[in-house]
Amino acid sequence: MTVAWYNPSGELYKFAENDFGSYEEADDDKVMVRFWLNLAGIDEADFGNWTVRAFLDGEMIKEDNIVISKNDTGKIDELC
């Protein structure tokens, strides 16, 4: 599985891959994988609406948006 993060300009910022290996199909047919983006590397110029896309075997299976900005204390926030 691959997850790609696109900055507000639509440029690919980072991608990550995770091989969850083989698994036997369960009754609910669910597999959990985790990905994260290190917010410490985000510049203020990249604050705004980001796009996150998940791919399985090269096919996009999910797209979502997150907002990255500063909060009232000056720390970086992300809202899903």
N, C-alpha and C. Protein backbone atom coordinates (compact mmCIF):
# COMPACT_ATOMS: atom_id res chain seq x y z
N MET A 1 0.85 -1.16 0.00
CA MET A 1 0.00 0.00 0.00
C MET A 1 0.89 1.22 0.00
N THR A 2 0.47 2.24 -0.72
CA THR A 2 1.20 3.50 -0.80
C THR A 2 0.26 4.64 -0.43
N VAL A 3 0.78 5.59 0.34
CA VAL A 3 0.04 6.81 0.67
C VAL A 3 0.86 7.98 0.17
N ALA A 4 0.20 8.94 -0.50
CA ALA A 4 0.87 10.12 -1.03
C ALA A 4 0.21 11.37 -0.48
N TRP A 5 1.03 12.33 -0.06
CA TRP A 5 0.56 13.62 0.45
C TRP A 5 0.89 14.69 -0.58
N TYR A 6 -0.11 15.47 -0.96
CA TYR A 6 0.05 16.55 -1.93
C TYR A 6 -0.20 17.89 -1.22
N ASN A 7 0.73 18.83 -1.39
CA ASN A 7 0.58 20.13 -0.75
C ASN A 7 -0.53 20.95 -1.41
N PRO A 8 -0.87 22.11 -0.87
CA PRO A 8 -1.98 22.89 -1.43
C PRO A 8 -1.80 23.29 -2.90
N SER A 9 -0.56 23.29 -3.39
CA SER A 9 -0.31 23.59 -4.80
C SER A 9 -0.55 22.38 -5.70
N GLY A 10 -0.83 21.23 -5.08
CA GLY A 10 -1.07 20.01 -5.84
C GLY A 10 0.19 19.22 -6.16
N GLU A 11 1.32 19.67 -5.62
CA GLU A 11 2.59 18.98 -5.85
C GLU A 11 2.76 17.85 -4.84
N LEU A 12 3.32 16.74 -5.32
CA LEU A 12 3.61 15.63 -4.42
C LEU A 12 4.65 16.08 -3.40
N TYR A 13 4.29 16.02 -2.11
CA TYR A 13 5.20 16.42 -1.03
C TYR A 13 6.00 15.22 -0.55
N LYS A 14 5.32 14.09 -0.35
CA LYS A 14 5.95 12.90 0.18
C LYS A 14 5.06 11.70 -0.10
N PHE A 15 5.69 10.54 -0.21
CA PHE A 15 4.92 9.31 -0.26
C PHE A 15 5.59 8.29 0.64
N ALA A 16 4.81 7.33 1.09
CA ALA A 16 5.32 6.26 1.94
C ALA A 16 4.66 4.96 1.54
N GLU A 17 5.41 3.88 1.68
CA GLU A 17 4.89 2.56 1.34
C GLU A 17 4.94 1.68 2.57
N ASN A 18 3.98 0.77 2.65
CA ASN A 18 3.91 -0.17 3.77
C ASN A 18 3.43 -1.50 3.22
N ASP A 19 4.23 -2.52 3.40
CA ASP A 19 3.86 -3.86 2.96
C ASP A 19 3.26 -4.59 4.14
N PHE A 20 1.96 -4.81 4.10
CA PHE A 20 1.33 -5.48 5.23
C PHE A 20 1.37 -6.99 5.08
N GLY A 21 2.09 -7.48 4.07
CA GLY A 21 2.30 -8.92 3.91
C GLY A 21 1.03 -9.64 3.50
N SER A 22 1.12 -10.91 3.47
CA SER A 22 -0.05 -11.70 3.11
C SER A 22 -0.91 -11.92 4.34
N TYR A 23 -2.17 -12.06 4.12
CA TYR A 23 -3.10 -12.30 5.22
C TYR A 23 -4.23 -13.16 4.69
N GLU A 24 -4.80 -13.90 5.59
CA GLU A 24 -5.96 -14.70 5.22
C GLU A 24 -7.20 -13.84 5.38
N GLU A 25 -8.10 -13.97 4.45
CA GLU A 25 -9.32 -13.17 4.52
C GLU A 25 -10.10 -13.50 5.79
N ALA A 26 -10.42 -12.46 6.52
CA ALA A 26 -11.22 -12.62 7.73
C ALA A 26 -12.68 -12.38 7.38
N ASP A 27 -13.54 -12.63 8.35
CA ASP A 27 -14.97 -12.44 8.11
C ASP A 27 -15.27 -11.00 7.71
N ASP A 28 -14.58 -10.03 8.33
CA ASP A 28 -14.86 -8.63 8.01
C ASP A 28 -13.94 -8.09 6.92
N ASP A 29 -12.94 -8.90 6.49
CA ASP A 29 -12.07 -8.57 5.37
C ASP A 29 -11.40 -7.20 5.54
N LYS A 30 -10.90 -6.90 6.75
CA LYS A 30 -10.27 -5.61 7.04
C LYS A 30 -8.80 -5.81 7.39
N VAL A 31 -7.99 -4.87 6.94
CA VAL A 31 -6.58 -4.82 7.30
C VAL A 31 -6.27 -3.39 7.70
N MET A 32 -5.53 -3.20 8.79
CA MET A 32 -5.20 -1.85 9.24
C MET A 32 -3.72 -1.59 8.97
N VAL A 33 -3.44 -0.46 8.34
CA VAL A 33 -2.07 0.02 8.15
C VAL A 33 -2.03 1.47 8.61
N ARG A 34 -0.86 1.91 9.07
CA ARG A 34 -0.72 3.28 9.57
C ARG A 34 0.36 4.01 8.79
N PHE A 35 0.07 5.26 8.51
CA PHE A 35 1.01 6.15 7.85
C PHE A 35 0.98 7.47 8.59
N TRP A 36 2.07 8.23 8.53
CA TRP A 36 2.08 9.53 9.17
C TRP A 36 2.96 10.48 8.38
N LEU A 37 2.70 11.75 8.59
CA LEU A 37 3.46 12.82 7.96
C LEU A 37 4.08 13.64 9.08
N ASN A 38 5.39 13.82 9.05
CA ASN A 38 6.08 14.60 10.07
C ASN A 38 5.79 16.08 9.84
N LEU A 39 5.00 16.69 10.71
CA LEU A 39 4.61 18.08 10.55
C LEU A 39 5.75 19.05 10.83
N ALA A 40 6.81 18.59 11.48
CA ALA A 40 7.93 19.47 11.78
C ALA A 40 8.60 19.99 10.51
N GLY A 41 8.47 19.28 9.41
CA GLY A 41 9.10 19.69 8.17
C GLY A 41 8.22 20.59 7.31
N ILE A 42 7.02 20.93 7.77
CA ILE A 42 6.09 21.72 6.98
C ILE A 42 6.41 23.20 7.14
N ASP A 43 6.57 23.90 6.03
CA ASP A 43 6.84 25.33 6.02
C ASP A 43 5.51 26.09 5.98
N GLU A 44 5.49 27.30 6.53
CA GLU A 44 4.24 28.08 6.52
C GLU A 44 3.71 28.30 5.12
N ALA A 45 4.57 28.32 4.13
CA ALA A 45 4.12 28.48 2.74
C ALA A 45 3.25 27.31 2.30
N ASP A 46 3.39 26.18 2.99
CA ASP A 46 2.60 24.99 2.64
C ASP A 46 1.36 24.82 3.52
N PHE A 47 1.03 25.80 4.36
CA PHE A 47 -0.19 25.70 5.15
C PHE A 47 -1.39 25.77 4.21
N GLY A 48 -2.43 25.04 4.55
CA GLY A 48 -3.65 25.05 3.75
C GLY A 48 -4.22 23.66 3.58
N ASN A 49 -4.97 23.47 2.51
CA ASN A 49 -5.70 22.23 2.24
C ASN A 49 -4.81 21.24 1.49
N TRP A 50 -4.50 20.14 2.12
CA TRP A 50 -3.67 19.09 1.53
C TRP A 50 -4.56 17.94 1.05
N THR A 51 -4.09 17.21 0.06
CA THR A 51 -4.78 16.02 -0.42
C THR A 51 -3.95 14.79 -0.05
N VAL A 52 -4.62 13.78 0.44
CA VAL A 52 -3.98 12.51 0.80
C VAL A 52 -4.64 11.42 -0.03
N ARG A 53 -3.82 10.65 -0.73
CA ARG A 53 -4.34 9.56 -1.56
C ARG A 53 -3.71 8.23 -1.14
N ALA A 54 -4.53 7.19 -1.08
CA ALA A 54 -4.06 5.84 -0.76
C ALA A 54 -4.20 4.97 -2.00
N PHE A 55 -3.16 4.19 -2.26
CA PHE A 55 -3.11 3.32 -3.42
C PHE A 55 -2.85 1.89 -2.98
N LEU A 56 -3.51 0.96 -3.62
CA LEU A 56 -3.28 -0.46 -3.37
C LEU A 56 -2.99 -1.11 -4.72
N ASP A 57 -1.82 -1.71 -4.83
CA ASP A 57 -1.38 -2.31 -6.09
C ASP A 57 -1.48 -1.32 -7.25
N GLY A 58 -1.13 -0.06 -6.99
CA GLY A 58 -1.11 0.97 -8.01
C GLY A 58 -2.45 1.61 -8.32
N GLU A 59 -3.52 1.13 -7.72
CA GLU A 59 -4.86 1.68 -7.96
C GLU A 59 -5.28 2.55 -6.78
N MET A 60 -5.71 3.80 -7.06
CA MET A 60 -6.15 4.67 -5.99
C MET A 60 -7.45 4.14 -5.38
N ILE A 61 -7.44 3.95 -4.06
CA ILE A 61 -8.61 3.40 -3.38
C ILE A 61 -9.28 4.39 -2.45
N LYS A 62 -8.57 5.50 -2.13
CA LYS A 62 -9.15 6.48 -1.21
C LYS A 62 -8.47 7.82 -1.42
N GLU A 63 -9.25 8.90 -1.35
CA GLU A 63 -8.72 10.25 -1.39
C GLU A 63 -9.42 11.04 -0.29
N ASP A 64 -8.64 11.85 0.43
CA ASP A 64 -9.20 12.66 1.50
C ASP A 64 -8.42 13.96 1.57
N ASN A 65 -8.93 14.92 2.33
CA ASN A 65 -8.27 16.20 2.51
C ASN A 65 -8.02 16.47 3.97
N ILE A 66 -6.89 17.14 4.25
CA ILE A 66 -6.59 17.61 5.59
C ILE A 66 -6.17 19.07 5.48
N VAL A 67 -6.36 19.82 6.56
CA VAL A 67 -5.94 21.21 6.60
C VAL A 67 -4.79 21.31 7.59
N ILE A 68 -3.67 21.88 7.15
CA ILE A 68 -2.51 22.09 8.02
C ILE A 68 -2.35 23.59 8.21
N SER A 69 -2.32 24.02 9.48
CA SER A 69 -2.21 25.45 9.79
C SER A 69 -1.62 25.60 11.18
N LYS A 70 -1.44 26.85 11.62
CA LYS A 70 -0.99 27.11 12.99
C LYS A 70 -2.21 27.31 13.87
N ASN A 71 -2.09 26.90 15.13
CA ASN A 71 -3.17 27.16 16.07
C ASN A 71 -2.87 28.45 16.85
N ASP A 72 -3.69 28.76 17.82
CA ASP A 72 -3.53 30.01 18.58
C ASP A 72 -2.24 30.10 19.37
N THR A 73 -1.63 28.94 19.66
CA THR A 73 -0.38 28.95 20.42
C THR A 73 0.86 28.96 19.51
N GLY A 74 0.63 29.01 18.20
CA GLY A 74 1.74 29.04 17.26
C GLY A 74 2.25 27.67 16.84
N LYS A 75 1.61 26.62 17.34
CA LYS A 75 2.00 25.27 16.96
C LYS A 75 1.24 24.84 15.71
N ILE A 76 1.83 23.92 14.96
CA ILE A 76 1.19 23.42 13.74
C ILE A 76 0.06 22.48 14.11
N ASP A 77 -1.08 22.67 13.48
CA ASP A 77 -2.27 21.83 13.65
C ASP A 77 -2.58 21.13 12.35
N GLU A 78 -3.24 19.98 12.44
CA GLU A 78 -3.81 19.37 11.25
C GLU A 78 -5.22 18.96 11.57
N LEU A 79 -6.11 19.25 10.66
CA LEU A 79 -7.52 18.92 10.83
C LEU A 79 -7.94 17.98 9.72
N CYS A 80 -8.58 16.89 10.10
CA CYS A 80 -9.05 15.93 9.10
C CYS A 80 -10.52 16.11 8.86
